[in-house]
Amino acid sequence: MAKPMIDPDALISMFENATAQQGAQLKKAVTDATLAALQGRELTLKNIRGALEAVADAASTGAAKNALPEVDVGKLLDSAVAGMDAALLKAVDANRVALGQLVAQGADLREKHLKKALTDLDKFEDTFFASLKKAAEGAGAPLAGAWAPVLEKMQAGGSQVGAKAETTAEQIAEQMQSAMRSTRAASIRAAQAMAESYTAMVSGVLLGMSDALQSTSKKK
């Protein structure tokens, strides 16, 4: 699988020159960059974290260089976090679609790989936070003060991806239980049908045995 890399210099330049009114543009740029990084890799937690760290580092570096008047560096970082959050929501949706298709085809979520996929979904938010924390630690003292409230707000209120991942895991589990109930119901109906036709089956077997006996007698 190809691994398109983000252009960190482009992100750095965008944040370095961003005005106070460009929050929406920054968010979209970060979303696009994060998705580009994720789409070129297998969606493992390790690769997700690597993509988030690269994007967060670039945004942080650019924000630190922004010297424009009336620019709130904290708001620039908020836009970056919102952009990464939006990209991760799409990653959750991709997991939901893939898992839903597997369940519809009869896959059992107790299987090792599928069970791990659900477990990893629960770790999306923790991975997100760890990536931002690492970027904040690497930003140095001048930007640490700007990162602190951003991290505190996320830790206190959570992210959109955290809530979405939790809901998705619950939906997939419910879909699996529904599929299992349908399978059990079909098996029960089949067993009932066999039970109801049991006497007819016995009659058929007896008839076959009688025919065999008559055939043997005629030969004698």
N, C-alpha and C. Protein backbone atom coordinates (compact mmCIF):
# COMPACT_ATOMS: atom_id res chain seq x y z
N MET A 1 0.84 -1.19 0.00
CA MET A 1 0.00 0.00 0.00
C MET A 1 0.88 1.24 0.00
N ALA A 2 0.53 2.23 -0.87
CA ALA A 2 1.31 3.45 -0.93
C ALA A 2 1.15 4.23 0.36
N LYS A 3 2.16 4.99 0.70
CA LYS A 3 2.13 5.76 1.94
C LYS A 3 2.37 7.24 1.65
N PRO A 4 1.35 7.94 1.17
CA PRO A 4 1.54 9.36 0.93
C PRO A 4 1.82 10.08 2.24
N MET A 5 2.84 10.89 2.27
CA MET A 5 3.20 11.60 3.48
C MET A 5 2.58 12.98 3.46
N ILE A 6 2.35 13.53 4.65
CA ILE A 6 1.86 14.90 4.71
C ILE A 6 3.00 15.84 4.34
N ASP A 7 2.65 17.04 3.98
CA ASP A 7 3.64 18.07 3.69
C ASP A 7 3.75 18.96 4.93
N PRO A 8 4.65 18.65 5.86
CA PRO A 8 4.73 19.42 7.10
C PRO A 8 5.05 20.90 6.86
N ASP A 9 5.88 21.16 5.84
CA ASP A 9 6.25 22.56 5.57
C ASP A 9 5.03 23.39 5.18
N ALA A 10 4.13 22.78 4.41
CA ALA A 10 2.91 23.49 4.00
C ALA A 10 2.03 23.80 5.21
N LEU A 11 1.90 22.85 6.13
CA LEU A 11 1.11 23.08 7.33
C LEU A 11 1.77 24.12 8.23
N ILE A 12 3.07 24.01 8.38
CA ILE A 12 3.79 24.98 9.21
C ILE A 12 3.58 26.39 8.68
N SER A 13 3.73 26.54 7.37
CA SER A 13 3.56 27.85 6.74
C SER A 13 2.14 28.38 6.93
N MET A 14 1.16 27.49 6.81
CA MET A 14 -0.23 27.92 6.96
C MET A 14 -0.50 28.43 8.36
N PHE A 15 0.00 27.72 9.37
CA PHE A 15 -0.22 28.15 10.75
C PHE A 15 0.61 29.39 11.09
N GLU A 16 1.78 29.46 10.51
CA GLU A 16 2.66 30.61 10.77
C GLU A 16 2.04 31.90 10.26
N ASN A 17 1.31 31.81 9.15
CA ASN A 17 0.76 33.01 8.52
C ASN A 17 -0.75 33.16 8.71
N ALA A 18 -1.34 32.31 9.52
CA ALA A 18 -2.79 32.34 9.70
C ALA A 18 -3.22 33.58 10.48
N THR A 19 -4.35 34.14 10.06
CA THR A 19 -4.93 35.26 10.79
C THR A 19 -5.96 34.71 11.78
N ALA A 20 -6.47 35.59 12.60
CA ALA A 20 -7.44 35.18 13.62
C ALA A 20 -8.75 34.69 13.00
N GLN A 21 -9.01 35.05 11.74
CA GLN A 21 -10.28 34.68 11.09
C GLN A 21 -10.18 33.39 10.29
N GLN A 22 -9.06 32.72 10.32
CA GLN A 22 -8.86 31.56 9.45
C GLN A 22 -9.02 30.22 10.16
N GLY A 23 -9.74 30.20 11.26
CA GLY A 23 -9.90 28.96 12.01
C GLY A 23 -10.51 27.83 11.20
N ALA A 24 -11.55 28.13 10.42
CA ALA A 24 -12.23 27.10 9.62
C ALA A 24 -11.29 26.55 8.55
N GLN A 25 -10.50 27.44 7.93
CA GLN A 25 -9.56 27.01 6.90
C GLN A 25 -8.47 26.11 7.49
N LEU A 26 -8.01 26.47 8.68
CA LEU A 26 -6.98 25.66 9.34
C LEU A 26 -7.53 24.28 9.68
N LYS A 27 -8.75 24.26 10.20
CA LYS A 27 -9.37 22.99 10.56
C LYS A 27 -9.46 22.07 9.34
N LYS A 28 -9.93 22.61 8.21
CA LYS A 28 -10.06 21.80 7.00
C LYS A 28 -8.70 21.33 6.50
N ALA A 29 -7.71 22.19 6.56
CA ALA A 29 -6.36 21.81 6.09
C ALA A 29 -5.80 20.67 6.94
N VAL A 30 -6.03 20.75 8.24
CA VAL A 30 -5.54 19.71 9.15
C VAL A 30 -6.31 18.41 8.92
N THR A 31 -7.61 18.51 8.73
CA THR A 31 -8.42 17.31 8.44
C THR A 31 -7.92 16.62 7.18
N ASP A 32 -7.71 17.40 6.14
CA ASP A 32 -7.25 16.84 4.86
C ASP A 32 -5.87 16.21 5.00
N ALA A 33 -4.98 16.88 5.72
CA ALA A 33 -3.62 16.36 5.90
C ALA A 33 -3.63 15.07 6.71
N THR A 34 -4.45 15.04 7.75
CA THR A 34 -4.53 13.84 8.59
C THR A 34 -5.11 12.67 7.81
N LEU A 35 -6.16 12.93 7.04
CA LEU A 35 -6.76 11.87 6.22
C LEU A 35 -5.77 11.35 5.19
N ALA A 36 -5.00 12.25 4.59
CA ALA A 36 -4.01 11.84 3.59
C ALA A 36 -2.99 10.91 4.22
N ALA A 37 -2.60 11.20 5.44
CA ALA A 37 -1.63 10.36 6.14
C ALA A 37 -2.23 9.01 6.51
N LEU A 38 -3.49 9.03 6.95
CA LEU A 38 -4.14 7.78 7.37
C LEU A 38 -4.48 6.88 6.19
N GLN A 39 -4.88 7.49 5.08
CA GLN A 39 -5.31 6.69 3.93
C GLN A 39 -4.17 5.92 3.29
N GLY A 40 -2.96 6.31 3.55
CA GLY A 40 -1.82 5.61 2.96
C GLY A 40 -1.27 4.51 3.84
N ARG A 41 -1.95 4.22 4.96
CA ARG A 41 -1.43 3.23 5.90
C ARG A 41 -2.53 2.27 6.35
N GLU A 42 -2.12 1.15 6.90
CA GLU A 42 -3.10 0.30 7.59
C GLU A 42 -3.53 1.05 8.85
N LEU A 43 -4.82 0.96 9.17
CA LEU A 43 -5.32 1.74 10.29
C LEU A 43 -5.07 1.05 11.63
N THR A 44 -3.80 0.86 11.93
CA THR A 44 -3.42 0.36 13.25
C THR A 44 -3.27 1.54 14.19
N LEU A 45 -3.33 1.29 15.49
CA LEU A 45 -3.17 2.38 16.45
C LEU A 45 -1.80 3.03 16.32
N LYS A 46 -0.80 2.22 16.02
CA LYS A 46 0.56 2.75 15.86
C LYS A 46 0.62 3.74 14.70
N ASN A 47 0.04 3.38 13.57
CA ASN A 47 0.06 4.26 12.40
C ASN A 47 -0.80 5.50 12.61
N ILE A 48 -1.92 5.32 13.29
CA ILE A 48 -2.78 6.47 13.60
C ILE A 48 -2.03 7.46 14.48
N ARG A 49 -1.36 6.93 15.47
CA ARG A 49 -0.60 7.81 16.37
C ARG A 49 0.51 8.53 15.61
N GLY A 50 1.20 7.82 14.73
CA GLY A 50 2.27 8.44 13.95
C GLY A 50 1.76 9.58 13.09
N ALA A 51 0.60 9.37 12.44
CA ALA A 51 0.01 10.41 11.60
C ALA A 51 -0.40 11.62 12.43
N LEU A 52 -1.01 11.37 13.57
CA LEU A 52 -1.46 12.47 14.43
C LEU A 52 -0.28 13.27 14.97
N GLU A 53 0.76 12.57 15.36
CA GLU A 53 1.94 13.26 15.89
C GLU A 53 2.58 14.15 14.83
N ALA A 54 2.66 13.65 13.60
CA ALA A 54 3.26 14.44 12.52
C ALA A 54 2.46 15.71 12.25
N VAL A 55 1.14 15.58 12.22
CA VAL A 55 0.28 16.74 11.96
C VAL A 55 0.33 17.71 13.13
N ALA A 56 0.25 17.18 14.35
CA ALA A 56 0.26 18.04 15.54
C ALA A 56 1.59 18.79 15.66
N ASP A 57 2.68 18.13 15.35
CA ASP A 57 4.00 18.78 15.41
C ASP A 57 4.08 19.94 14.42
N ALA A 58 3.59 19.70 13.20
CA ALA A 58 3.63 20.75 12.18
C ALA A 58 2.78 21.95 12.58
N ALA A 59 1.58 21.67 13.06
CA ALA A 59 0.69 22.76 13.49
C ALA A 59 1.30 23.53 14.65
N SER A 60 1.88 22.81 15.58
CA SER A 60 2.49 23.43 16.75
C SER A 60 3.67 24.30 16.36
N THR A 61 4.50 23.79 15.48
CA THR A 61 5.67 24.55 15.03
C THR A 61 5.25 25.84 14.32
N GLY A 62 4.24 25.73 13.45
CA GLY A 62 3.76 26.91 12.74
C GLY A 62 3.14 27.93 13.67
N ALA A 63 2.33 27.45 14.62
CA ALA A 63 1.67 28.36 15.56
C ALA A 63 2.70 29.11 16.40
N ALA A 64 3.77 28.44 16.77
CA ALA A 64 4.81 29.08 17.57
C ALA A 64 5.50 30.21 16.82
N LYS A 65 5.51 30.11 15.50
CA LYS A 65 6.18 31.13 14.68
C LYS A 65 5.25 32.29 14.30
N ASN A 66 3.97 32.13 14.59
CA ASN A 66 3.01 33.16 14.17
C ASN A 66 3.17 34.41 15.03
N ALA A 67 3.53 35.50 14.39
CA ALA A 67 3.75 36.76 15.10
C ALA A 67 2.75 37.83 14.71
N LEU A 68 1.68 37.42 14.04
CA LEU A 68 0.69 38.40 13.60
C LEU A 68 -0.07 38.98 14.80
N PRO A 69 -0.41 40.25 14.73
CA PRO A 69 -1.16 40.86 15.85
C PRO A 69 -2.56 40.28 15.96
N GLU A 70 -3.06 40.25 17.17
CA GLU A 70 -4.42 39.79 17.49
C GLU A 70 -4.63 38.30 17.23
N VAL A 71 -3.56 37.55 17.02
CA VAL A 71 -3.69 36.10 16.83
C VAL A 71 -3.54 35.40 18.17
N ASP A 72 -4.54 34.58 18.50
CA ASP A 72 -4.51 33.78 19.72
C ASP A 72 -3.94 32.41 19.36
N VAL A 73 -2.73 32.12 19.81
CA VAL A 73 -2.09 30.85 19.47
C VAL A 73 -2.92 29.67 19.96
N GLY A 74 -3.54 29.83 21.12
CA GLY A 74 -4.38 28.77 21.65
C GLY A 74 -5.52 28.40 20.71
N LYS A 75 -6.10 29.43 20.06
CA LYS A 75 -7.19 29.16 19.11
C LYS A 75 -6.68 28.47 17.85
N LEU A 76 -5.44 28.80 17.46
CA LEU A 76 -4.85 28.10 16.32
C LEU A 76 -4.71 26.61 16.64
N LEU A 77 -4.28 26.33 17.85
CA LEU A 77 -4.12 24.93 18.26
C LEU A 77 -5.47 24.24 18.38
N ASP A 78 -6.48 24.99 18.84
CA ASP A 78 -7.85 24.44 18.91
C ASP A 78 -8.32 24.02 17.51
N SER A 79 -8.01 24.83 16.52
CA SER A 79 -8.40 24.50 15.13
C SER A 79 -7.70 23.24 14.66
N ALA A 80 -6.43 23.10 15.04
CA ALA A 80 -5.68 21.91 14.66
C ALA A 80 -6.28 20.66 15.29
N VAL A 81 -6.60 20.76 16.57
CA VAL A 81 -7.19 19.63 17.29
C VAL A 81 -8.55 19.26 16.68
N ALA A 82 -9.35 20.27 16.37
CA ALA A 82 -10.67 20.02 15.75
C ALA A 82 -10.51 19.34 14.39
N GLY A 83 -9.50 19.74 13.64
CA GLY A 83 -9.27 19.12 12.34
C GLY A 83 -8.87 17.66 12.45
N MET A 84 -8.00 17.35 13.41
CA MET A 84 -7.60 15.95 13.62
C MET A 84 -8.77 15.12 14.13
N ASP A 85 -9.58 15.72 14.99
CA ASP A 85 -10.77 15.04 15.51
C ASP A 85 -11.71 14.67 14.37
N ALA A 86 -11.91 15.61 13.44
CA ALA A 86 -12.80 15.36 12.29
C ALA A 86 -12.28 14.23 11.42
N ALA A 87 -10.96 14.19 11.23
CA ALA A 87 -10.36 13.12 10.43
C ALA A 87 -10.54 11.76 11.11
N LEU A 88 -10.37 11.74 12.42
CA LEU A 88 -10.53 10.48 13.15
C LEU A 88 -11.97 9.99 13.13
N LEU A 89 -12.94 10.91 13.06
CA LEU A 89 -14.34 10.51 12.94
C LEU A 89 -14.55 9.68 11.68
N LYS A 90 -13.89 10.08 10.60
CA LYS A 90 -13.99 9.32 9.35
C LYS A 90 -13.32 7.96 9.49
N ALA A 91 -12.25 7.89 10.26
CA ALA A 91 -11.59 6.60 10.50
C ALA A 91 -12.50 5.68 11.29
N VAL A 92 -13.24 6.23 12.25
CA VAL A 92 -14.21 5.44 13.01
C VAL A 92 -15.31 4.93 12.08
N ASP A 93 -15.78 5.80 11.19
CA ASP A 93 -16.81 5.39 10.23
C ASP A 93 -16.33 4.26 9.33
N ALA A 94 -15.06 4.34 8.93
CA ALA A 94 -14.49 3.28 8.09
C ALA A 94 -14.49 1.95 8.85
N ASN A 95 -14.15 1.99 10.13
CA ASN A 95 -14.18 0.79 10.95
C ASN A 95 -15.61 0.26 11.09
N ARG A 96 -16.56 1.18 11.26
CA ARG A 96 -17.96 0.77 11.43
C ARG A 96 -18.46 0.04 10.19
N VAL A 97 -18.17 0.60 9.03
CA VAL A 97 -18.63 -0.01 7.78
C VAL A 97 -18.00 -1.39 7.58
N ALA A 98 -16.68 -1.47 7.81
CA ALA A 98 -15.97 -2.74 7.61
C ALA A 98 -16.46 -3.81 8.57
N LEU A 99 -16.59 -3.46 9.85
CA LEU A 99 -17.05 -4.43 10.84
C LEU A 99 -18.50 -4.84 10.56
N GLY A 100 -19.32 -3.87 10.17
CA GLY A 100 -20.72 -4.18 9.87
C GLY A 100 -20.84 -5.16 8.72
N GLN A 101 -20.02 -4.99 7.70
CA GLN A 101 -20.05 -5.91 6.56
C GLN A 101 -19.63 -7.32 6.99
N LEU A 102 -18.62 -7.39 7.83
CA LEU A 102 -18.15 -8.71 8.28
C LEU A 102 -19.21 -9.41 9.12
N VAL A 103 -19.85 -8.65 10.00
CA VAL A 103 -20.90 -9.24 10.83
C VAL A 103 -22.06 -9.71 9.96
N ALA A 104 -22.43 -8.91 8.95
CA ALA A 104 -23.53 -9.29 8.06
C ALA A 104 -23.22 -10.57 7.29
N GLN A 105 -21.94 -10.81 7.07
CA GLN A 105 -21.52 -12.02 6.36
C GLN A 105 -21.32 -13.21 7.29
N GLY A 106 -21.62 -13.02 8.59
CA GLY A 106 -21.56 -14.13 9.52
C GLY A 106 -20.33 -14.20 10.38
N ALA A 107 -19.49 -13.15 10.35
CA ALA A 107 -18.27 -13.17 11.17
C ALA A 107 -18.66 -13.07 12.64
N ASP A 108 -17.85 -13.69 13.49
CA ASP A 108 -18.08 -13.71 14.93
C ASP A 108 -17.11 -12.74 15.58
N LEU A 109 -17.67 -11.78 16.34
CA LEU A 109 -16.81 -10.77 16.96
C LEU A 109 -15.95 -11.34 18.08
N ARG A 110 -16.15 -12.62 18.39
CA ARG A 110 -15.25 -13.25 19.37
C ARG A 110 -13.95 -13.69 18.70
N GLU A 111 -13.92 -13.64 17.37
CA GLU A 111 -12.69 -13.98 16.67
C GLU A 111 -11.61 -12.97 17.02
N LYS A 112 -10.38 -13.44 17.06
CA LYS A 112 -9.25 -12.65 17.55
C LYS A 112 -9.12 -11.29 16.87
N HIS A 113 -9.11 -11.26 15.55
CA HIS A 113 -8.87 -10.01 14.82
C HIS A 113 -10.02 -9.02 14.99
N LEU A 114 -11.24 -9.53 14.97
CA LEU A 114 -12.38 -8.64 15.11
C LEU A 114 -12.51 -8.12 16.54
N LYS A 115 -12.20 -8.96 17.48
CA LYS A 115 -12.22 -8.54 18.88
C LYS A 115 -11.20 -7.43 19.10
N LYS A 116 -10.02 -7.57 18.48
CA LYS A 116 -8.98 -6.55 18.60
C LYS A 116 -9.43 -5.24 17.94
N ALA A 117 -10.14 -5.34 16.83
CA ALA A 117 -10.62 -4.14 16.14
C ALA A 117 -11.54 -3.33 17.05
N LEU A 118 -12.43 -4.01 17.76
CA LEU A 118 -13.32 -3.32 18.68
C LEU A 118 -12.55 -2.72 19.86
N THR A 119 -11.57 -3.46 20.35
CA THR A 119 -10.75 -2.96 21.45
C THR A 119 -9.97 -1.72 21.03
N ASP A 120 -9.45 -1.75 19.81
CA ASP A 120 -8.69 -0.60 19.30
C ASP A 120 -9.59 0.63 19.15
N LEU A 121 -10.84 0.42 18.76
CA LEU A 121 -11.77 1.54 18.65
C LEU A 121 -11.89 2.29 19.98
N ASP A 122 -11.94 1.53 21.04
CA ASP A 122 -12.04 2.13 22.37
C ASP A 122 -10.79 2.93 22.74
N LYS A 123 -9.70 2.68 22.04
CA LYS A 123 -8.44 3.35 22.35
C LYS A 123 -8.15 4.55 21.46
N PHE A 124 -9.06 4.86 20.53
CA PHE A 124 -8.84 5.97 19.61
C PHE A 124 -8.62 7.29 20.36
N GLU A 125 -9.47 7.56 21.33
CA GLU A 125 -9.36 8.84 22.04
C GLU A 125 -8.07 8.90 22.85
N ASP A 126 -7.72 7.82 23.52
CA ASP A 126 -6.47 7.80 24.28
C ASP A 126 -5.27 8.02 23.37
N THR A 127 -5.30 7.41 22.19
CA THR A 127 -4.22 7.59 21.22
C THR A 127 -4.16 9.04 20.76
N PHE A 128 -5.30 9.63 20.53
CA PHE A 128 -5.39 11.03 20.11
C PHE A 128 -4.77 11.93 21.17
N PHE A 129 -5.17 11.73 22.41
CA PHE A 129 -4.68 12.58 23.50
C PHE A 129 -3.17 12.40 23.70
N ALA A 130 -2.70 11.16 23.62
CA ALA A 130 -1.27 10.90 23.79
C ALA A 130 -0.45 11.60 22.70
N SER A 131 -0.98 11.63 21.49
CA SER A 131 -0.29 12.28 20.37
C SER A 131 -0.19 13.79 20.60
N LEU A 132 -1.28 14.39 21.07
CA LEU A 132 -1.27 15.82 21.34
C LEU A 132 -0.34 16.16 22.51
N LYS A 133 -0.36 15.31 23.50
CA LYS A 133 0.50 15.53 24.67
C LYS A 133 1.97 15.49 24.27
N LYS A 134 2.31 14.56 23.39
CA LYS A 134 3.70 14.46 22.93
C LYS A 134 4.09 15.70 22.14
N ALA A 135 3.17 16.18 21.30
CA ALA A 135 3.44 17.38 20.52
C ALA A 135 3.64 18.58 21.44
N ALA A 136 2.84 18.65 22.50
CA ALA A 136 2.95 19.76 23.45
C ALA A 136 4.29 19.71 24.19
N GLU A 137 4.68 18.51 24.56
CA GLU A 137 5.96 18.36 25.28
C GLU A 137 7.14 18.73 24.39
N GLY A 138 7.01 18.44 23.09
CA GLY A 138 8.10 18.74 22.17
C GLY A 138 8.12 20.17 21.69
N ALA A 139 7.08 20.93 22.02
CA ALA A 139 6.98 22.31 21.53
C ALA A 139 7.88 23.26 22.29
N GLY A 140 8.26 22.89 23.49
CA GLY A 140 9.13 23.77 24.27
C GLY A 140 8.33 24.73 25.13
N ALA A 141 9.03 25.41 25.99
CA ALA A 141 8.41 26.28 27.00
C ALA A 141 7.50 27.37 26.42
N PRO A 142 7.91 28.09 25.37
CA PRO A 142 7.05 29.19 24.91
C PRO A 142 5.64 28.76 24.54
N LEU A 143 5.50 27.56 23.95
CA LEU A 143 4.19 27.12 23.48
C LEU A 143 3.48 26.21 24.50
N ALA A 144 4.20 25.81 25.53
CA ALA A 144 3.59 24.91 26.52
C ALA A 144 2.37 25.56 27.17
N GLY A 145 2.45 26.86 27.41
CA GLY A 145 1.34 27.56 28.03
C GLY A 145 0.11 27.59 27.15
N ALA A 146 0.31 27.62 25.83
CA ALA A 146 -0.82 27.62 24.91
C ALA A 146 -1.43 26.23 24.78
N TRP A 147 -0.60 25.20 24.86
CA TRP A 147 -1.09 23.83 24.74
C TRP A 147 -1.86 23.39 25.99
N ALA A 148 -1.45 23.88 27.15
CA ALA A 148 -2.03 23.40 28.42
C ALA A 148 -3.55 23.48 28.47
N PRO A 149 -4.16 24.64 28.19
CA PRO A 149 -5.64 24.69 28.25
C PRO A 149 -6.32 23.85 27.18
N VAL A 150 -5.64 23.69 26.03
CA VAL A 150 -6.20 22.86 24.96
C VAL A 150 -6.30 21.41 25.44
N LEU A 151 -5.23 20.93 26.05
CA LEU A 151 -5.21 19.56 26.56
C LEU A 151 -6.18 19.38 27.72
N GLU A 152 -6.24 20.38 28.60
CA GLU A 152 -7.15 20.31 29.75
C GLU A 152 -8.60 20.24 29.29
N LYS A 153 -8.93 21.05 28.29
CA LYS A 153 -10.31 21.06 27.78
C LYS A 153 -10.67 19.71 27.16
N MET A 154 -9.73 19.14 26.42
CA MET A 154 -10.00 17.85 25.79
C MET A 154 -10.12 16.75 26.84
N GLN A 155 -9.25 16.79 27.83
CA GLN A 155 -9.29 15.76 28.87
C GLN A 155 -10.58 15.86 29.69
N ALA A 156 -11.06 17.07 29.90
CA ALA A 156 -12.26 17.25 30.71
C ALA A 156 -13.53 16.91 29.93
N GLY A 157 -13.59 17.36 28.67
CA GLY A 157 -14.82 17.17 27.89
C GLY A 157 -14.78 16.05 26.89
N GLY A 158 -13.59 15.49 26.66
CA GLY A 158 -13.48 14.42 25.68
C GLY A 158 -13.49 14.97 24.26
N SER A 159 -13.39 14.08 23.32
CA SER A 159 -13.37 14.45 21.90
C SER A 159 -14.59 13.87 21.22
N GLN A 160 -14.87 14.36 20.02
CA GLN A 160 -15.97 13.79 19.24
C GLN A 160 -15.68 12.33 18.89
N VAL A 161 -14.42 12.06 18.58
CA VAL A 161 -14.07 10.70 18.16
C VAL A 161 -14.23 9.71 19.31
N GLY A 162 -14.00 10.18 20.53
CA GLY A 162 -14.17 9.27 21.67
C GLY A 162 -15.61 8.81 21.81
N ALA A 163 -16.53 9.78 21.73
CA ALA A 163 -17.96 9.46 21.84
C ALA A 163 -18.41 8.60 20.66
N LYS A 164 -17.93 8.95 19.46
CA LYS A 164 -18.34 8.21 18.25
C LYS A 164 -17.81 6.77 18.29
N ALA A 165 -16.58 6.60 18.76
CA ALA A 165 -16.00 5.26 18.82
C ALA A 165 -16.78 4.38 19.80
N GLU A 166 -17.16 4.96 20.92
CA GLU A 166 -17.92 4.20 21.93
C GLU A 166 -19.27 3.78 21.38
N THR A 167 -19.95 4.71 20.72
CA THR A 167 -21.25 4.41 20.13
C THR A 167 -21.13 3.35 19.04
N THR A 168 -20.10 3.46 18.23
CA THR A 168 -19.89 2.50 17.14
C THR A 168 -19.66 1.10 17.68
N ALA A 169 -18.83 0.98 18.70
CA ALA A 169 -18.56 -0.33 19.30
C ALA A 169 -19.85 -0.94 19.83
N GLU A 170 -20.71 -0.12 20.46
CA GLU A 170 -21.97 -0.62 20.98
C GLU A 170 -22.89 -1.07 19.85
N GLN A 171 -22.93 -0.29 18.76
CA GLN A 171 -23.78 -0.64 17.62
C GLN A 171 -23.36 -1.96 16.98
N ILE A 172 -22.05 -2.14 16.84
CA ILE A 172 -21.55 -3.38 16.23
C ILE A 172 -21.86 -4.57 17.13
N ALA A 173 -21.71 -4.39 18.43
CA ALA A 173 -22.01 -5.47 19.37
C ALA A 173 -23.50 -5.84 19.29
N GLU A 174 -24.36 -4.82 19.20
CA GLU A 174 -25.80 -5.07 19.09
C GLU A 174 -26.13 -5.77 17.77
N GLN A 175 -25.45 -5.35 16.70
CA GLN A 175 -25.67 -5.99 15.39
C GLN A 175 -25.26 -7.45 15.45
N MET A 176 -24.17 -7.72 16.15
CA MET A 176 -23.70 -9.09 16.28
C MET A 176 -24.69 -9.94 17.07
N GLN A 177 -25.19 -9.38 18.16
CA GLN A 177 -26.17 -10.11 18.97
C GLN A 177 -27.45 -10.38 18.18
N SER A 178 -27.86 -9.40 17.38
CA SER A 178 -29.06 -9.57 16.55
C SER A 178 -28.84 -10.68 15.52
N ALA A 179 -27.64 -10.70 14.93
CA ALA A 179 -27.33 -11.73 13.94
C ALA A 179 -27.32 -13.11 14.59
N MET A 180 -26.77 -13.18 15.81
CA MET A 180 -26.73 -14.46 16.52
C MET A 180 -28.14 -14.93 16.87
N ARG A 181 -29.01 -13.97 17.27
CA ARG A 181 -30.39 -14.34 17.59
C ARG A 181 -31.11 -14.85 16.35
N SER A 182 -30.87 -14.20 15.21
CA SER A 182 -31.49 -14.63 13.96
C SER A 182 -31.04 -16.02 13.58
N THR A 183 -29.72 -16.28 13.77
CA THR A 183 -29.18 -17.61 13.45
C THR A 183 -29.79 -18.67 14.35
N ARG A 184 -29.88 -18.34 15.65
CA ARG A 184 -30.47 -19.29 16.59
C ARG A 184 -31.94 -19.54 16.25
N ALA A 185 -32.66 -18.47 15.90
CA ALA A 185 -34.09 -18.63 15.55
C ALA A 185 -34.25 -19.51 14.33
N ALA A 186 -33.37 -19.33 13.35
CA ALA A 186 -33.44 -20.16 12.14
C ALA A 186 -33.15 -21.62 12.48
N SER A 187 -32.19 -21.84 13.36
CA SER A 187 -31.85 -23.21 13.76
C SER A 187 -33.00 -23.86 14.51
N ILE A 188 -33.65 -23.06 15.37
CA ILE A 188 -34.79 -23.59 16.14
C ILE A 188 -35.94 -23.95 15.21
N ARG A 189 -36.20 -23.07 14.23
CA ARG A 189 -37.28 -23.35 13.29
C ARG A 189 -36.99 -24.62 12.49
N ALA A 190 -35.73 -24.78 12.10
CA ALA A 190 -35.37 -25.98 11.36
C ALA A 190 -35.55 -27.22 12.22
N ALA A 191 -35.17 -27.13 13.50
CA ALA A 191 -35.30 -28.27 14.41
C ALA A 191 -36.78 -28.60 14.64
N GLN A 192 -37.61 -27.54 14.78
CA GLN A 192 -39.04 -27.75 14.97
C GLN A 192 -39.66 -28.42 13.74
N ALA A 193 -39.26 -27.97 12.58
CA ALA A 193 -39.78 -28.56 11.35
C ALA A 193 -39.42 -30.03 11.26
N MET A 194 -38.20 -30.37 11.66
CA MET A 194 -37.77 -31.76 11.64
C MET A 194 -38.56 -32.57 12.66
N ALA A 195 -38.79 -31.96 13.83
CA ALA A 195 -39.54 -32.68 14.87
C ALA A 195 -40.97 -32.94 14.43
N GLU A 196 -41.58 -31.91 13.81
CA GLU A 196 -42.95 -32.07 13.37
C GLU A 196 -43.10 -33.12 12.27
N SER A 197 -42.06 -33.29 11.49
CA SER A 197 -42.13 -34.27 10.40
C SER A 197 -41.47 -35.60 10.79
N TYR A 198 -41.17 -35.73 12.09
CA TYR A 198 -40.45 -36.93 12.53
C TYR A 198 -41.25 -38.20 12.26
N THR A 199 -42.54 -38.17 12.59
CA THR A 199 -43.35 -39.38 12.39
C THR A 199 -43.43 -39.75 10.93
N ALA A 200 -43.50 -38.70 10.08
CA ALA A 200 -43.52 -38.98 8.64
C ALA A 200 -42.19 -39.57 8.21
N MET A 201 -41.11 -39.10 8.82
CA MET A 201 -39.79 -39.64 8.50
C MET A 201 -39.71 -41.11 8.87
N VAL A 202 -40.25 -41.41 10.08
CA VAL A 202 -40.23 -42.80 10.53
C VAL A 202 -41.05 -43.67 9.59
N SER A 203 -42.22 -43.15 9.18
CA SER A 203 -43.07 -43.90 8.25
C SER A 203 -42.34 -44.16 6.94
N GLY A 204 -41.61 -43.16 6.50
CA GLY A 204 -40.86 -43.33 5.26
C GLY A 204 -39.77 -44.36 5.40
N VAL A 205 -39.09 -44.34 6.54
CA VAL A 205 -38.04 -45.34 6.78
C VAL A 205 -38.65 -46.73 6.86
N LEU A 206 -39.78 -46.82 7.56
CA LEU A 206 -40.45 -48.11 7.70
C LEU A 206 -40.92 -48.62 6.35
N LEU A 207 -41.44 -47.70 5.52
CA LEU A 207 -41.88 -48.08 4.19
C LEU A 207 -40.70 -48.59 3.37
N GLY A 208 -39.59 -47.93 3.48
CA GLY A 208 -38.40 -48.37 2.77
C GLY A 208 -37.95 -49.73 3.23
N MET A 209 -38.02 -49.96 4.55
CA MET A 209 -37.63 -51.26 5.08
C MET A 209 -38.59 -52.33 4.58
N SER A 210 -39.90 -52.01 4.54
CA SER A 210 -40.90 -52.98 4.06
C SER A 210 -40.65 -53.31 2.61
N ASP A 211 -40.39 -52.32 1.79
CA ASP A 211 -40.11 -52.54 0.36
C ASP A 211 -38.91 -53.45 0.20
N ALA A 212 -37.89 -53.21 1.04
CA ALA A 212 -36.69 -54.03 0.93
C ALA A 212 -36.99 -55.49 1.30
N LEU A 213 -37.83 -55.67 2.34
CA LEU A 213 -38.19 -57.02 2.76
C LEU A 213 -38.98 -57.74 1.68
N GLN A 214 -39.95 -57.02 1.08
CA GLN A 214 -40.76 -57.61 0.02
C GLN A 214 -39.90 -57.98 -1.17
N SER A 215 -38.96 -57.15 -1.49
CA SER A 215 -38.07 -57.44 -2.61
C SER A 215 -37.25 -58.68 -2.36
N THR A 216 -36.81 -58.83 -1.11
CA THR A 216 -36.01 -60.01 -0.74
C THR A 216 -36.85 -61.27 -0.82
N SER A 217 -38.15 -61.18 -0.34
CA SER A 217 -39.04 -62.34 -0.36
C SER A 217 -39.31 -62.81 -1.79
N LYS A 218 -39.53 -61.85 -2.68
CA LYS A 218 -39.83 -62.20 -4.08
C LYS A 218 -38.64 -62.92 -4.71
N LYS A 219 -37.44 -62.47 -4.36
CA LYS A 219 -36.25 -63.11 -4.93
C LYS A 219 -36.17 -64.56 -4.47
N LYS A 220 -36.54 -64.80 -3.21
CA LYS A 220 -36.50 -66.16 -2.71
C LYS A 220 -37.52 -67.04 -3.40
